[in-house]
C-alpha atoms as a PDB file:
ATOM      1  CA  MET A   1       0.000   0.000   0.000  1.00  0.00           C
ATOM      2  CA  LYS A   2       1.360   3.388  -0.940  1.00  0.00           C
ATOM      3  CA  ILE A   3       0.957   5.813   1.947  1.00  0.00           C
ATOM      4  CA  GLN A   4      -0.824   8.982   0.891  1.00  0.00           C
ATOM      5  CA  LYS A   5      -2.195  11.859   2.928  1.00  0.00           C
ATOM      6  CA  ASP A   6      -5.829  10.993   2.155  1.00  0.00           C
ATOM      7  CA  ILE A   7      -5.663   7.469   3.671  1.00  0.00           C
ATOM      8  CA  PRO A   8      -7.430   6.921   7.022  1.00  0.00           C
ATOM      9  CA  ILE A   9      -4.879   6.432   9.792  1.00  0.00           C
ATOM     10  CA  ASN A  10      -6.397   3.102  10.872  1.00  0.00           C
ATOM     11  CA  GLN A  11      -5.697   1.683   7.395  1.00  0.00           C
ATOM     12  CA  ILE A  12      -2.048   2.681   7.789  1.00  0.00           C
ATOM     13  CA  ILE A  13      -1.842   1.062  11.238  1.00  0.00           C
ATOM     14  CA  THR A  14      -3.581  -2.089   9.997  1.00  0.00           C
ATOM     15  CA  ALA A  15      -1.239  -2.447   7.017  1.00  0.00           C
ATOM     16  CA  TYR A  16       1.861  -1.453   9.016  1.00  0.00           C
ATOM     17  CA  PRO A  17       1.357  -2.247  12.735  1.00  0.00           C
ATOM     18  CA  GLN A  18       4.883  -1.016  13.487  1.00  0.00           C
ATOM     19  CA  THR A  19       3.648   2.528  12.759  1.00  0.00           C
ATOM     20  CA  ILE A  20       1.992   2.619  16.189  1.00  0.00           C
ATOM     21  CA  LYS A  21       5.473   3.364  17.553  1.00  0.00           C
ATOM     22  CA  PHE A  22       5.971   6.074  14.921  1.00  0.00           C
ATOM     23  CA  PHE A  23       2.719   7.825  15.795  1.00  0.00           C
ATOM     24  CA  ASN A  24       3.406   7.541  19.524  1.00  0.00           C
ATOM     25  CA  ASP A  25       6.911   8.954  19.046  1.00  0.00           C
ATOM     26  CA  MET A  26       5.346  11.868  17.133  1.00  0.00           C
ATOM     27  CA  GLN A  27       3.047  12.492  20.139  1.00  0.00           C
ATOM     28  CA  MET A  28      -0.013  11.544  18.086  1.00  0.00           C
ATOM     29  CA  SER A  29      -1.331   8.551  20.141  1.00  0.00           C
ATOM     30  CA  CYS A  30      -3.238   7.268  17.117  1.00  0.00           C
ATOM     31  CA  SER A  31      -3.534   3.712  18.391  1.00  0.00           C
ATOM     32  CA  SER A  32      -5.799   4.837  21.239  1.00  0.00           C
ATOM     33  CA  CYS A  33      -7.806   7.545  19.460  1.00  0.00           C
ATOM     34  CA  PHE A  34     -11.359   6.954  18.261  1.00  0.00           C
ATOM     35  CA  ALA A  35     -10.857   9.321  15.316  1.00  0.00           C
ATOM     36  CA  VAL A  36      -8.376   7.076  13.459  1.00  0.00           C
ATOM     37  CA  SER A  37     -11.238   5.158  11.870  1.00  0.00           C
ATOM     38  CA  PHE A  38     -12.261   8.216   9.871  1.00  0.00           C
ATOM     39  CA  ASP A  39      -9.409  10.736  10.158  1.00  0.00           C
ATOM     40  CA  THR A  40      -6.924  10.761   7.319  1.00  0.00           C
ATOM     41  CA  LEU A  41      -3.216  11.275   7.761  1.00  0.00           C
ATOM     42  CA  GLU A  42      -3.729  14.844   6.548  1.00  0.00           C
ATOM     43  CA  ASN A  43      -6.441  15.552   9.145  1.00  0.00           C
ATOM     44  CA  GLY A  44      -4.307  13.994  11.875  1.00  0.00           C
ATOM     45  CA  ALA A  45      -1.383  16.218  10.904  1.00  0.00           C
ATOM     46  CA  LEU A  46      -3.608  19.299  10.942  1.00  0.00           C
ATOM     47  CA  MET A  47      -5.040  18.381  14.359  1.00  0.00           C
ATOM     48  CA  HIS A  48      -1.493  18.127  15.729  1.00  0.00           C
ATOM     49  CA  ASN A  49      -0.195  21.272  13.984  1.00  0.00           C
ATOM     50  CA  MET A  50       2.146  19.297  11.746  1.00  0.00           C
ATOM     51  CA  ASP A  51       3.046  19.754   8.097  1.00  0.00           C
ATOM     52  CA  VAL A  52       1.449  16.785   6.319  1.00  0.00           C
ATOM     53  CA  ASP A  53       4.129  16.550   3.628  1.00  0.00           C
ATOM     54  CA  THR A  54       6.902  16.369   6.227  1.00  0.00           C
ATOM     55  CA  LEU A  55       4.905  13.819   8.243  1.00  0.00           C
ATOM     56  CA  LEU A  56       4.366  11.731   5.105  1.00  0.00           C
ATOM     57  CA  ILE A  57       8.096  11.708   4.307  1.00  0.00           C
ATOM     58  CA  LYS A  58       9.004  10.732   7.877  1.00  0.00           C
ATOM     59  CA  LEU A  59       6.311   8.030   7.972  1.00  0.00           C
ATOM     60  CA  ASN A  60       7.465   6.454   4.711  1.00  0.00           C
ATOM     61  CA  GLN A  61      11.092   6.551   5.899  1.00  0.00           C
ATOM     62  CA  PHE A  62      10.033   4.874   9.152  1.00  0.00           C
ATOM     63  CA  ILE A  63       8.174   2.101   7.304  1.00  0.00           C
ATOM     64  CA  LEU A  64      11.151   1.434   5.034  1.00  0.00           C
ATOM     65  CA  SER A  65      13.591   1.272   7.936  1.00  0.00           C
ATOM     66  CA  ASN A  66      11.279  -0.715  10.264  1.00  0.00           C
ATOM     67  CA  PRO A  67       9.747  -3.606   8.345  1.00  0.00           C
ATOM     68  CA  ALA A  68       6.923  -5.476  10.038  1.00  0.00           C
ATOM     69  CA  LYS A  69       7.919  -8.569  11.955  1.00  0.00           C
ATOM     70  CA  ILE A  70       6.174 -11.623  10.548  1.00  0.00           C
ATOM     71  CA  VAL A  71       5.383 -14.472  12.950  1.00  0.00           C
ATOM     72  CA  PRO A  72       5.994 -17.858  11.287  1.00  0.00           C
ATOM     73  CA  VAL A  73       2.917 -20.090  11.135  1.00  0.00           C
ATOM     74  CA  SER A  74       3.140 -23.860  11.341  1.00  0.00           C
ATOM     75  CA  ALA A  75       1.560 -25.547   8.312  1.00  0.00           C
ATOM     76  CA  GLU A  76       0.282 -28.444  10.446  1.00  0.00           C
ATOM     77  CA  THR A  77      -1.474 -26.514  13.196  1.00  0.00           C
ATOM     78  CA  ASN A  78      -1.939 -23.170  11.447  1.00  0.00           C
ATOM     79  CA  SER A  79      -0.757 -21.441  14.623  1.00  0.00           C
ATOM     80  CA  PRO A  80       2.364 -19.454  15.490  1.00  0.00           C
ATOM     81  CA  LYS A  81       5.464 -21.548  16.266  1.00  0.00           C
END
């Protein structure tokens, strides 16, 4: 998924769970906010007095440098090893 400023924040967090740390580090607390289901990245930036283009660059850099950790699943039990 290409991150754009018009994407709801919860879609970003769902696709890239590691971004919870990014948003917390940016003092945005998105993982605990009810508004993430409808607020876009742009609206979140505006609510926190941030430049959306700068936030977008930093977010994409974070995602590239912090890939999601994938938990291996056993083929026999279909559960994490």
